Amino acid sequence: STPTSEQYNCTHIADRGKAYGMEAHIVEGNNVLEVYSKVNKIAKSVRK
């Protein structure tokens, strides 16, 4: 029941990637085509 405003104080969780020197993305999670296409592209890149 705890909203995100009481869980963390950054705008996006993806913002934390910068602190780890890590690539980060924000994806519209309710669009299956966007989820698949973006993750598929990232996955192919990570395998290489």
ModelCIF file with pLDDT and N, C-alpha, C, O atoms, coordinates in Angstrom:
data_MODEL
#
_entry.id   MODEL 
#
_entity.id                         1 
_entity.type                       polymer 
_entity.pdbx_number_of_molecules   1 
#
_entity_poly.entity_id                      1 
_entity_poly.type                           'polypeptide(L)' 
_entity_poly.nstd_linkage                   no 
_entity_poly.nstd_monomer                   no 
_entity_poly.pdbx_seq_one_letter_code       STPTSEQYNCTHIADRGKAYGMEAHIVEGNNVLEVYSKVNKIAKSVRK 
_entity_poly.pdbx_seq_one_letter_code_can   STPTSEQYNCTHIADRGKAYGMEAHIVEGNNVLEVYSKVNKIAKSVRK 
_entity_poly.pdbx_strand_id                 A 
#
loop_
_entity_poly_seq.entity_id 
_entity_poly_seq.num 
_entity_poly_seq.mon_id 
_entity_poly_seq.hetero 
1 1  SER n 
1 2  THR n 
1 3  PRO n 
1 4  THR n 
1 5  SER n 
1 6  GLU n 
1 7  GLN n 
1 8  TYR n 
1 9  ASN n 
1 10 CYS n 
1 11 THR n 
1 12 HIS n 
1 13 ILE n 
1 14 ALA n 
1 15 ASP n 
1 16 ARG n 
1 17 GLY n 
1 18 LYS n 
1 19 ALA n 
1 20 TYR n 
1 21 GLY n 
1 22 MET n 
1 23 GLU n 
1 24 ALA n 
1 25 HIS n 
1 26 ILE n 
1 27 VAL n 
1 28 GLU n 
1 29 GLY n 
1 30 ASN n 
1 31 ASN n 
1 32 VAL n 
1 33 LEU n 
1 34 GLU n 
1 35 VAL n 
1 36 TYR n 
1 37 SER n 
1 38 LYS n 
1 39 VAL n 
1 40 ASN n 
1 41 LYS n 
1 42 ILE n 
1 43 ALA n 
1 44 LYS n 
1 45 SER n 
1 46 VAL n 
1 47 ARG n 
1 48 LYS n 
#
_struct_asym.id          A 
_struct_asym.entity_id   1 
#
loop_
_ma_qa_metric.id 
_ma_qa_metric.mode 
_ma_qa_metric.name 
_ma_qa_metric.software_group_id 
_ma_qa_metric.type 
1 global pLDDT . pLDDT 
2 local  pLDDT . pLDDT 
#
_ma_qa_metric_global.metric_id      1 
_ma_qa_metric_global.metric_value   95.15 
_ma_qa_metric_global.model_id       1 
_ma_qa_metric_global.ordinal_id     1 
#
loop_
_ma_qa_metric_local.label_asym_id 
_ma_qa_metric_local.label_comp_id 
_ma_qa_metric_local.label_seq_id 
_ma_qa_metric_local.metric_id 
_ma_qa_metric_local.metric_value 
_ma_qa_metric_local.model_id 
_ma_qa_metric_local.ordinal_id 
A SER 1  2 88.00 1 1  
A THR 2  2 88.00 1 2  
A PRO 3  2 86.00 1 3  
A THR 4  2 87.00 1 4  
A SER 5  2 87.00 1 5  
A GLU 6  2 90.00 1 6  
A GLN 7  2 89.00 1 7  
A TYR 8  2 90.00 1 8  
A ASN 9  2 91.00 1 9  
A CYS 10 2 90.00 1 10 
A THR 11 2 91.00 1 11 
A HIS 12 2 95.00 1 12 
A ILE 13 2 95.00 1 13 
A ALA 14 2 96.00 1 14 
A ASP 15 2 95.00 1 15 
A ARG 16 2 95.00 1 16 
A GLY 17 2 96.00 1 17 
A LYS 18 2 95.00 1 18 
A ALA 19 2 94.00 1 19 
A TYR 20 2 96.00 1 20 
A GLY 21 2 97.00 1 21 
A MET 22 2 97.00 1 22 
A GLU 23 2 98.00 1 23 
A ALA 24 2 98.00 1 24 
A HIS 25 2 98.00 1 25 
A ILE 26 2 98.00 1 26 
A VAL 27 2 98.00 1 27 
A GLU 28 2 96.00 1 28 
A GLY 29 2 96.00 1 29 
A ASN 30 2 96.00 1 30 
A ASN 31 2 97.00 1 31 
A VAL 32 2 97.00 1 32 
A LEU 33 2 97.00 1 33 
A GLU 34 2 98.00 1 34 
A VAL 35 2 98.00 1 35 
A TYR 36 2 98.00 1 36 
A SER 37 2 98.00 1 37 
A LYS 38 2 98.00 1 38 
A VAL 39 2 98.00 1 39 
A ASN 40 2 98.00 1 40 
A LYS 41 2 98.00 1 41 
A ILE 42 2 98.00 1 42 
A ALA 43 2 98.00 1 43 
A LYS 44 2 98.00 1 44 
A SER 45 2 98.00 1 45 
A VAL 46 2 98.00 1 46 
A ARG 47 2 98.00 1 47 
A LYS 48 2 98.00 1 48 
#
loop_
_atom_site.group_PDB 
_atom_site.id 
_atom_site.type_symbol 
_atom_site.label_atom_id 
_atom_site.label_alt_id 
_atom_site.label_comp_id 
_atom_site.label_asym_id 
_atom_site.label_entity_id 
_atom_site.label_seq_id 
_atom_site.pdbx_PDB_ins_code 
_atom_site.Cartn_x 
_atom_site.Cartn_y 
_atom_site.Cartn_z 
_atom_site.occupancy 
_atom_site.B_iso_or_equiv 
_atom_site.pdbx_formal_charge 
_atom_site.auth_seq_id 
_atom_site.auth_comp_id 
_atom_site.auth_asym_id 
_atom_site.auth_atom_id 
_atom_site.pdbx_PDB_model_num 
ATOM 1   N N  . SER A 1 1  ? 0.813  -1.222  0.000   1.00 88.00 ? 1  SER A N  1 
ATOM 2   C CA . SER A 1 1  ? 0.000  0.000   0.000   1.00 88.00 ? 1  SER A CA 1 
ATOM 3   C C  . SER A 1 1  ? 0.849  1.275   0.000   1.00 88.00 ? 1  SER A C  1 
ATOM 4   O O  . SER A 1 1  ? 0.312  2.382   -0.042  1.00 88.00 ? 1  SER A O  1 
ATOM 5   N N  . THR A 1 2  ? 2.176  1.115   0.047   1.00 88.00 ? 2  THR A N  1 
ATOM 6   C CA . THR A 1 2  ? 3.050  2.277   0.149   1.00 88.00 ? 2  THR A CA 1 
ATOM 7   C C  . THR A 1 2  ? 3.377  2.827   -1.237  1.00 88.00 ? 2  THR A C  1 
ATOM 8   O O  . THR A 1 2  ? 3.979  2.122   -2.048  1.00 88.00 ? 2  THR A O  1 
ATOM 9   N N  . PRO A 1 3  ? 2.995  4.066   -1.523  1.00 86.00 ? 3  PRO A N  1 
ATOM 10  C CA . PRO A 1 3  ? 3.247  4.628   -2.859  1.00 86.00 ? 3  PRO A CA 1 
ATOM 11  C C  . PRO A 1 3  ? 4.729  4.899   -3.081  1.00 86.00 ? 3  PRO A C  1 
ATOM 12  O O  . PRO A 1 3  ? 5.512  4.976   -2.134  1.00 86.00 ? 3  PRO A O  1 
ATOM 13  N N  . THR A 1 4  ? 5.096  5.041   -4.356  1.00 87.00 ? 4  THR A N  1 
ATOM 14  C CA . THR A 1 4  ? 6.507  5.235   -4.684  1.00 87.00 ? 4  THR A CA 1 
ATOM 15  C C  . THR A 1 4  ? 7.070  6.503   -4.045  1.00 87.00 ? 4  THR A C  1 
ATOM 16  O O  . THR A 1 4  ? 8.268  6.573   -3.771  1.00 87.00 ? 4  THR A O  1 
ATOM 17  N N  . SER A 1 5  ? 6.233  7.496   -3.808  1.00 87.00 ? 5  SER A N  1 
ATOM 18  C CA . SER A 1 5  ? 6.712  8.745   -3.204  1.00 87.00 ? 5  SER A CA 1 
ATOM 19  C C  . SER A 1 5  ? 7.254  8.528   -1.798  1.00 87.00 ? 5  SER A C  1 
ATOM 20  O O  . SER A 1 5  ? 8.010  9.355   -1.289  1.00 87.00 ? 5  SER A O  1 
ATOM 21  N N  . GLU A 1 6  ? 6.871  7.418   -1.167  1.00 90.00 ? 6  GLU A N  1 
ATOM 22  C CA . GLU A 1 6  ? 7.366  7.097   0.171   1.00 90.00 ? 6  GLU A CA 1 
ATOM 23  C C  . GLU A 1 6  ? 8.404  5.984   0.147   1.00 90.00 ? 6  GLU A C  1 
ATOM 24  O O  . GLU A 1 6  ? 8.843  5.511   1.195   1.00 90.00 ? 6  GLU A O  1 
ATOM 25  N N  . GLN A 1 7  ? 8.795  5.568   -1.063  1.00 89.00 ? 7  GLN A N  1 
ATOM 26  C CA . GLN A 1 7  ? 9.778  4.497   -1.184  1.00 89.00 ? 7  GLN A CA 1 
ATOM 27  C C  . GLN A 1 7  ? 11.137 4.999   -1.637  1.00 89.00 ? 7  GLN A C  1 
ATOM 28  O O  . GLN A 1 7  ? 12.166 4.496   -1.184  1.00 89.00 ? 7  GLN A O  1 
ATOM 29  N N  . TYR A 1 8  ? 11.155 5.979   -2.522  1.00 90.00 ? 8  TYR A N  1 
ATOM 30  C CA . TYR A 1 8  ? 12.424 6.516   -3.009  1.00 90.00 ? 8  TYR A CA 1 
ATOM 31  C C  . TYR A 1 8  ? 12.214 7.963   -3.432  1.00 90.00 ? 8  TYR A C  1 
ATOM 32  O O  . TYR A 1 8  ? 11.083 8.407   -3.630  1.00 90.00 ? 8  TYR A O  1 
ATOM 33  N N  . ASN A 1 9  ? 13.316 8.690   -3.567  1.00 91.00 ? 9  ASN A N  1 
ATOM 34  C CA . ASN A 1 9  ? 13.198 10.131  -3.779  1.00 91.00 ? 9  ASN A CA 1 
ATOM 35  C C  . ASN A 1 9  ? 13.864 10.591  -5.073  1.00 91.00 ? 9  ASN A C  1 
ATOM 36  O O  . ASN A 1 9  ? 14.228 11.759  -5.210  1.00 91.00 ? 9  ASN A O  1 
ATOM 37  N N  . CYS A 1 10 ? 14.021 9.665   -6.024  1.00 90.00 ? 10 CYS A N  1 
ATOM 38  C CA . CYS A 1 10 ? 14.501 10.064  -7.343  1.00 90.00 ? 10 CYS A CA 1 
ATOM 39  C C  . CYS A 1 10 ? 13.308 10.028  -8.295  1.00 90.00 ? 10 CYS A C  1 
ATOM 40  O O  . CYS A 1 10 ? 12.279 9.434   -7.975  1.00 90.00 ? 10 CYS A O  1 
ATOM 41  N N  . THR A 1 11 ? 13.437 10.653  -9.449  1.00 91.00 ? 11 THR A N  1 
ATOM 42  C CA . THR A 1 11 ? 12.303 10.725  -10.376 1.00 91.00 ? 11 THR A CA 1 
ATOM 43  C C  . THR A 1 11 ? 11.983 9.364   -10.955 1.00 91.00 ? 11 THR A C  1 
ATOM 44  O O  . THR A 1 11 ? 10.823 8.952   -11.003 1.00 91.00 ? 11 THR A O  1 
ATOM 45  N N  . HIS A 1 12 ? 13.028 8.663   -11.399 1.00 95.00 ? 12 HIS A N  1 
ATOM 46  C CA . HIS A 1 12 ? 12.854 7.343   -12.000 1.00 95.00 ? 12 HIS A CA 1 
ATOM 47  C C  . HIS A 1 12 ? 13.854 6.375   -11.368 1.00 95.00 ? 12 HIS A C  1 
ATOM 48  O O  . HIS A 1 12 ? 14.961 6.773   -11.004 1.00 95.00 ? 12 HIS A O  1 
ATOM 49  N N  . ILE A 1 13 ? 13.467 5.117   -11.238 1.00 95.00 ? 13 ILE A N  1 
ATOM 50  C CA . ILE A 1 13 ? 14.410 4.104   -10.763 1.00 95.00 ? 13 ILE A CA 1 
ATOM 51  C C  . ILE A 1 13 ? 15.564 3.970   -11.743 1.00 95.00 ? 13 ILE A C  1 
ATOM 52  O O  . ILE A 1 13 ? 16.696 3.692   -11.348 1.00 95.00 ? 13 ILE A O  1 
ATOM 53  N N  . ALA A 1 14 ? 15.272 4.167   -13.023 1.00 96.00 ? 14 ALA A N  1 
ATOM 54  C CA . ALA A 1 14 ? 16.321 4.080   -14.041 1.00 96.00 ? 14 ALA A CA 1 
ATOM 55  C C  . ALA A 1 14 ? 17.436 5.089   -13.797 1.00 96.00 ? 14 ALA A C  1 
ATOM 56  O O  . ALA A 1 14 ? 18.564 4.883   -14.244 1.00 96.00 ? 14 ALA A O  1 
ATOM 57  N N  . ASP A 1 15 ? 17.130 6.187   -13.086 1.00 95.00 ? 15 ASP A N  1 
ATOM 58  C CA . ASP A 1 15 ? 18.155 7.186   -12.790 1.00 95.00 ? 15 ASP A CA 1 
ATOM 59  C C  . ASP A 1 15 ? 19.304 6.596   -11.976 1.00 95.00 ? 15 ASP A C  1 
ATOM 60  O O  . ASP A 1 15 ? 20.428 7.095   -12.018 1.00 95.00 ? 15 ASP A O  1 
ATOM 61  N N  . ARG A 1 16 ? 19.011 5.537   -11.241 1.00 95.00 ? 16 ARG A N  1 
ATOM 62  C CA . ARG A 1 16 ? 20.045 4.937   -10.401 1.00 95.00 ? 16 ARG A CA 1 
ATOM 63  C C  . ARG A 1 16 ? 21.141 4.276   -11.229 1.00 95.00 ? 16 ARG A C  1 
ATOM 64  O O  . ARG A 1 16 ? 22.256 4.077   -10.746 1.00 95.00 ? 16 ARG A O  1 
ATOM 65  N N  . GLY A 1 17 ? 20.825 3.939   -12.466 1.00 96.00 ? 17 GLY A N  1 
ATOM 66  C CA . GLY A 1 17 ? 21.834 3.308   -13.312 1.00 96.00 ? 17 GLY A CA 1 
ATOM 67  C C  . GLY A 1 17 ? 23.103 4.132   -13.420 1.00 96.00 ? 17 GLY A C  1 
ATOM 68  O O  . GLY A 1 17 ? 24.202 3.583   -13.482 1.00 96.00 ? 17 GLY A O  1 
ATOM 69  N N  . LYS A 1 18 ? 22.953 5.465   -13.444 1.00 95.00 ? 18 LYS A N  1 
ATOM 70  C CA . LYS A 1 18 ? 24.121 6.346   -13.576 1.00 95.00 ? 18 LYS A CA 1 
ATOM 71  C C  . LYS A 1 18 ? 25.092 6.137   -12.423 1.00 95.00 ? 18 LYS A C  1 
ATOM 72  O O  . LYS A 1 18 ? 26.308 6.169   -12.609 1.00 95.00 ? 18 LYS A O  1 
ATOM 73  N N  . ALA A 1 19 ? 24.546 5.924   -11.232 1.00 94.00 ? 19 ALA A N  1 
ATOM 74  C CA . ALA A 1 19 ? 25.404 5.766   -10.054 1.00 94.00 ? 19 ALA A CA 1 
ATOM 75  C C  . ALA A 1 19 ? 26.264 4.513   -10.138 1.00 94.00 ? 19 ALA A C  1 
ATOM 76  O O  . ALA A 1 19 ? 27.330 4.443   -9.526  1.00 94.00 ? 19 ALA A O  1 
ATOM 77  N N  . TYR A 1 20 ? 25.803 3.532   -10.890 1.00 96.00 ? 20 TYR A N  1 
ATOM 78  C CA . TYR A 1 20 ? 26.551 2.274   -11.023 1.00 96.00 ? 20 TYR A CA 1 
ATOM 79  C C  . TYR A 1 20 ? 27.335 2.217   -12.324 1.00 96.00 ? 20 TYR A C  1 
ATOM 80  O O  . TYR A 1 20 ? 27.922 1.185   -12.649 1.00 96.00 ? 20 TYR A O  1 
ATOM 81  N N  . GLY A 1 21 ? 27.352 3.317   -13.075 1.00 97.00 ? 21 GLY A N  1 
ATOM 82  C CA . GLY A 1 21 ? 28.016 3.292   -14.369 1.00 97.00 ? 21 GLY A CA 1 
ATOM 83  C C  . GLY A 1 21 ? 27.339 2.309   -15.301 1.00 97.00 ? 21 GLY A C  1 
ATOM 84  O O  . GLY A 1 21 ? 27.997 1.635   -16.093 1.00 97.00 ? 21 GLY A O  1 
ATOM 85  N N  . MET A 1 22 ? 26.019 2.231   -15.202 1.00 97.00 ? 22 MET A N  1 
ATOM 86  C CA . MET A 1 22 ? 25.257 1.194   -15.883 1.00 97.00 ? 22 MET A CA 1 
ATOM 87  C C  . MET A 1 22 ? 24.258 1.809   -16.864 1.00 97.00 ? 22 MET A C  1 
ATOM 88  O O  . MET A 1 22 ? 23.593 2.800   -16.560 1.00 97.00 ? 22 MET A O  1 
ATOM 89  N N  . GLU A 1 23 ? 24.174 1.219   -18.004 1.00 98.00 ? 23 GLU A N  1 
ATOM 90  C CA . GLU A 1 23 ? 23.169 1.607   -18.993 1.00 98.00 ? 23 GLU A CA 1 
ATOM 91  C C  . GLU A 1 23 ? 21.774 1.392   -18.408 1.00 98.00 ? 23 GLU A C  1 
ATOM 92  O O  . GLU A 1 23 ? 21.526 0.381   -17.751 1.00 98.00 ? 23 GLU A O  1 
ATOM 93  N N  . ALA A 1 24 ? 20.867 2.334   -18.642 1.00 98.00 ? 24 ALA A N  1 
ATOM 94  C CA . ALA A 1 24 ? 19.512 2.227   -18.087 1.00 98.00 ? 24 ALA A CA 1 
ATOM 95  C C  . ALA A 1 24 ? 18.494 2.730   -19.101 1.00 98.00 ? 24 ALA A C  1 
ATOM 96  O O  . ALA A 1 24 ? 18.775 3.632   -19.890 1.00 98.00 ? 24 ALA A O  1 
ATOM 97  N N  . HIS A 1 25 ? 17.310 2.131   -19.066 1.00 98.00 ? 25 HIS A N  1 
ATOM 98  C CA . HIS A 1 25 ? 16.236 2.487   -19.994 1.00 98.00 ? 25 HIS A CA 1 
ATOM 99  C C  . HIS A 1 25 ? 14.917 2.552   -19.237 1.00 98.00 ? 25 HIS A C  1 
ATOM 100 O O  . HIS A 1 25 ? 14.727 1.884   -18.221 1.00 98.00 ? 25 HIS A O  1 
ATOM 101 N N  . ILE A 1 26 ? 13.999 3.385   -19.764 1.00 98.00 ? 26 ILE A N  1 
ATOM 102 C CA . ILE A 1 26 ? 12.620 3.415   -19.291 1.00 98.00 ? 26 ILE A CA 1 
ATOM 103 C C  . ILE A 1 26 ? 11.742 2.929   -20.431 1.00 98.00 ? 26 ILE A C  1 
ATOM 104 O O  . ILE A 1 26 ? 11.847 3.412   -21.559 1.00 98.00 ? 26 ILE A O  1 
ATOM 105 N N  . VAL A 1 27 ? 10.869 1.965   -20.128 1.00 98.00 ? 27 VAL A N  1 
ATOM 106 C CA . VAL A 1 27 ? 10.023 1.350   -21.146 1.00 98.00 ? 27 VAL A CA 1 
ATOM 107 C C  . VAL A 1 27 ? 8.566  1.442   -20.712 1.00 98.00 ? 27 VAL A C  1 
ATOM 108 O O  . VAL A 1 27 ? 8.250  1.249   -19.538 1.00 98.00 ? 27 VAL A O  1 
ATOM 109 N N  . GLU A 1 28 ? 7.675  1.737   -21.663 1.00 96.00 ? 28 GLU A N  1 
ATOM 110 C CA . GLU A 1 28 ? 6.236  1.718   -21.399 1.00 96.00 ? 28 GLU A CA 1 
ATOM 111 C C  . GLU A 1 28 ? 5.817  0.265   -21.189 1.00 96.00 ? 28 GLU A C  1 
ATOM 112 O O  . GLU A 1 28 ? 5.714  -0.507  -22.142 1.00 96.00 ? 28 GLU A O  1 
ATOM 113 N N  . GLY A 1 29 ? 5.582  -0.091  -19.943 1.00 96.00 ? 29 GLY A N  1 
ATOM 114 C CA . GLY A 1 29 ? 5.367  -1.488  -19.593 1.00 96.00 ? 29 GLY A CA 1 
ATOM 115 C C  . GLY A 1 29 ? 4.025  -2.050  -19.980 1.00 96.00 ? 29 GLY A C  1 
ATOM 116 O O  . GLY A 1 29 ? 3.827  -3.259  -19.865 1.00 96.00 ? 29 GLY A O  1 
ATOM 117 N N  . ASN A 1 30 ? 3.084  -1.233  -20.436 1.00 96.00 ? 30 ASN A N  1 
ATOM 118 C CA . ASN A 1 30 ? 1.762  -1.748  -20.808 1.00 96.00 ? 30 ASN A CA 1 
ATOM 119 C C  . ASN A 1 30 ? 1.616  -1.928  -22.315 1.00 96.00 ? 30 ASN A C  1 
ATOM 120 O O  . ASN A 1 30 ? 0.534  -2.250  -22.805 1.00 96.00 ? 30 ASN A O  1 
ATOM 121 N N  . ASN A 1 31 ? 2.698  -1.721  -23.041 1.00 97.00 ? 31 ASN A N  1 
ATOM 122 C CA . ASN A 1 31 ? 2.684  -1.905  -24.491 1.00 97.00 ? 31 ASN A CA 1 
ATOM 123 C C  . ASN A 1 31 ? 3.578  -3.085  -24.822 1.00 97.00 ? 31 ASN A C  1 
ATOM 124 O O  . ASN A 1 31 ? 4.803  -2.968  -24.791 1.00 97.00 ? 31 ASN A O  1 
ATOM 125 N N  . VAL A 1 32 ? 2.970  -4.223  -25.138 1.00 97.00 ? 32 VAL A N  1 
ATOM 126 C CA . VAL A 1 32 ? 3.748  -5.441  -25.325 1.00 97.00 ? 32 VAL A CA 1 
ATOM 127 C C  . VAL A 1 32 ? 4.701  -5.333  -26.505 1.00 97.00 ? 32 VAL A C  1 
ATOM 128 O O  . VAL A 1 32 ? 5.778  -5.930  -26.481 1.00 97.00 ? 32 VAL A O  1 
ATOM 129 N N  . LEU A 1 33 ? 4.332  -4.591  -27.527 1.00 97.00 ? 33 LEU A N  1 
ATOM 130 C CA . LEU A 1 33 ? 5.220  -4.432  -28.679 1.00 97.00 ? 33 LEU A CA 1 
ATOM 131 C C  . LEU A 1 33 ? 6.455  -3.618  -28.302 1.00 97.00 ? 33 LEU A C  1 
ATOM 132 O O  . LEU A 1 33 ? 7.570  -3.933  -28.719 1.00 97.00 ? 33 LEU A O  1 
ATOM 133 N N  . GLU A 1 34 ? 6.245  -2.575  -27.511 1.00 98.00 ? 34 GLU A N  1 
ATOM 134 C CA . GLU A 1 34 ? 7.392  -1.773  -27.078 1.00 98.00 ? 34 GLU A CA 1 
ATOM 135 C C  . GLU A 1 34 ? 8.278  -2.580  -26.140 1.00 98.00 ? 34 GLU A C  1 
ATOM 136 O O  . GLU A 1 34 ? 9.504  -2.536  -26.246 1.00 98.00 ? 34 GLU A O  1 
ATOM 137 N N  . VAL A 1 35 ? 7.663  -3.313  -25.228 1.00 98.00 ? 35 VAL A N  1 
ATOM 138 C CA . VAL A 1 35 ? 8.448  -4.141  -24.310 1.00 98.00 ? 35 VAL A CA 1 
ATOM 139 C C  . VAL A 1 35 ? 9.294  -5.125  -25.109 1.00 98.00 ? 35 VAL A C  1 
ATOM 140 O O  . VAL A 1 35 ? 10.505 -5.214  -24.909 1.00 98.00 ? 35 VAL A O  1 
ATOM 141 N N  . TYR A 1 36 ? 8.660  -5.857  -26.005 1.00 98.00 ? 36 TYR A N  1 
ATOM 142 C CA . TYR A 1 36 ? 9.389  -6.881  -26.754 1.00 98.00 ? 36 TYR A CA 1 
ATOM 143 C C  . TYR A 1 36 ? 10.478 -6.269  -27.632 1.00 98.00 ? 36 TYR A C  1 
ATOM 144 O O  . TYR A 1 36 ? 11.622 -6.723  -27.611 1.00 98.00 ? 36 TYR A O  1 
ATOM 145 N N  . SER A 1 37 ? 10.127 -5.251  -28.395 1.00 98.00 ? 37 SER A N  1 
ATOM 146 C CA . SER A 1 37 ? 11.088 -4.710  -29.357 1.00 98.00 ? 37 SER A CA 1 
ATOM 147 C C  . SER A 1 37 ? 12.290 -4.084  -28.652 1.00 98.00 ? 37 SER A C  1 
ATOM 148 O O  . SER A 1 37 ? 13.426 -4.281  -29.081 1.00 98.00 ? 37 SER A O  1 
ATOM 149 N N  . LYS A 1 38 ? 12.054 -3.339  -27.585 1.00 98.00 ? 38 LYS A N  1 
ATOM 150 C CA . LYS A 1 38 ? 13.172 -2.702  -26.885 1.00 98.00 ? 38 LYS A CA 1 
ATOM 151 C C  . LYS A 1 38 ? 14.033 -3.713  -26.141 1.00 98.00 ? 38 LYS A C  1 
ATOM 152 O O  . LYS A 1 38 ? 15.261 -3.639  -26.183 1.00 98.00 ? 38 LYS A O  1 
ATOM 153 N N  . VAL A 1 39 ? 13.392 -4.654  -25.463 1.00 98.00 ? 39 VAL A N  1 
ATOM 154 C CA . VAL A 1 39 ? 14.169 -5.663  -24.737 1.00 98.00 ? 39 VAL A CA 1 
ATOM 155 C C  . VAL A 1 39 ? 14.908 -6.561  -25.724 1.00 98.00 ? 39 VAL A C  1 
ATOM 156 O O  . VAL A 1 39 ? 16.048 -6.947  -25.467 1.00 98.00 ? 39 VAL A O  1 
ATOM 157 N N  . ASN A 1 40 ? 14.289 -6.894  -26.833 1.00 98.00 ? 40 ASN A N  1 
ATOM 158 C CA . ASN A 1 40 ? 14.939 -7.728  -27.843 1.00 98.00 ? 40 ASN A CA 1 
ATOM 159 C C  . ASN A 1 40 ? 16.190 -7.036  -28.382 1.00 98.00 ? 40 ASN A C  1 
ATOM 160 O O  . ASN A 1 40 ? 17.229 -7.671  -28.563 1.00 98.00 ? 40 ASN A O  1 
ATOM 161 N N  . LYS A 1 41 ? 16.085 -5.742  -28.635 1.00 98.00 ? 41 LYS A N  1 
ATOM 162 C CA . LYS A 1 41 ? 17.228 -4.987  -29.131 1.00 98.00 ? 41 LYS A CA 1 
ATOM 163 C C  . LYS A 1 41 ? 18.345 -4.941  -28.087 1.00 98.00 ? 41 LYS A C  1 
ATOM 164 O O  . LYS A 1 41 ? 19.516 -5.137  -28.411 1.00 98.00 ? 41 LYS A O  1 
ATOM 165 N N  . ILE A 1 42 ? 17.973 -4.682  -26.839 1.00 98.00 ? 42 ILE A N  1 
ATOM 166 C CA . ILE A 1 42 ? 18.960 -4.648  -25.758 1.00 98.00 ? 42 ILE A CA 1 
ATOM 167 C C  . ILE A 1 42 ? 19.608 -6.025  -25.588 1.00 98.00 ? 42 ILE A C  1 
ATOM 168 O O  . ILE A 1 42 ? 20.825 -6.127  -25.433 1.00 98.00 ? 42 ILE A O  1 
ATOM 169 N N  . ALA A 1 43 ? 18.787 -7.084  -25.619 1.00 98.00 ? 43 ALA A N  1 
ATOM 170 C CA . ALA A 1 43 ? 19.297 -8.446  -25.413 1.00 98.00 ? 43 ALA A CA 1 
ATOM 171 C C  . ALA A 1 43 ? 20.307 -8.829  -26.485 1.00 98.00 ? 43 ALA A C  1 
ATOM 172 O O  . ALA A 1 43 ? 21.348 -9.410  -26.178 1.00 98.00 ? 43 ALA A O  1 
ATOM 173 N N  . LYS A 1 44 ? 20.010 -8.511  -27.732 1.00 98.00 ? 44 LYS A N  1 
ATOM 174 C CA . LYS A 1 44 ? 20.943 -8.826  -28.818 1.00 98.00 ? 44 LYS A CA 1 
ATOM 175 C C  . LYS A 1 44 ? 22.266 -8.105  -28.616 1.00 98.00 ? 44 LYS A C  1 
ATOM 176 O O  . LYS A 1 44 ? 23.332 -8.668  -28.867 1.00 98.00 ? 44 LYS A O  1 
ATOM 177 N N  . SER A 1 45 ? 22.197 -6.859  -28.161 1.00 98.00 ? 45 SER A N  1 
ATOM 178 C CA . SER A 1 45 ? 23.404 -6.084  -27.920 1.00 98.00 ? 45 SER A CA 1 
ATOM 179 C C  . SER A 1 45 ? 24.214 -6.654  -26.758 1.00 98.00 ? 45 SER A C  1 
ATOM 180 O O  . SER A 1 45 ? 25.441 -6.723  -26.824 1.00 98.00 ? 45 SER A O  1 
ATOM 181 N N  . VAL A 1 46 ? 23.516 -7.064  -25.685 1.00 98.00 ? 46 VAL A N  1 
ATOM 182 C CA . VAL A 1 46 ? 24.202 -7.596  -24.503 1.00 98.00 ? 46 VAL A CA 1 
ATOM 183 C C  . VAL A 1 46 ? 24.879 -8.930  -24.818 1.00 98.00 ? 46 VAL A C  1 
ATOM 184 O O  . VAL A 1 46 ? 25.951 -9.225  -24.291 1.00 98.00 ? 46 VAL A O  1 
ATOM 185 N N  . ARG A 1 47 ? 24.255 -9.730  -25.675 1.00 98.00 ? 47 ARG A N  1 
ATOM 186 C CA . ARG A 1 47 ? 24.892 -11.004 -26.050 1.00 98.00 ? 47 ARG A CA 1 
ATOM 187 C C  . ARG A 1 47 ? 26.206 -10.764 -26.790 1.00 98.00 ? 47 ARG A C  1 
ATOM 188 O O  . ARG A 1 47 ? 27.152 -11.539 -26.647 1.00 98.00 ? 47 ARG A O  1 
ATOM 189 N N  . LYS A 1 48 ? 26.263 -9.713  -27.566 1.00 98.00 ? 48 LYS A N  1 
ATOM 190 C CA . LYS A 1 48 ? 27.493 -9.391  -28.297 1.00 98.00 ? 48 LYS A CA 1 
ATOM 191 C C  . LYS A 1 48 ? 28.486 -8.640  -27.423 1.00 98.00 ? 48 LYS A C  1 
ATOM 192 O O  . LYS A 1 48 ? 29.573 -8.292  -27.882 1.00 98.00 ? 48 LYS A O  1 
#
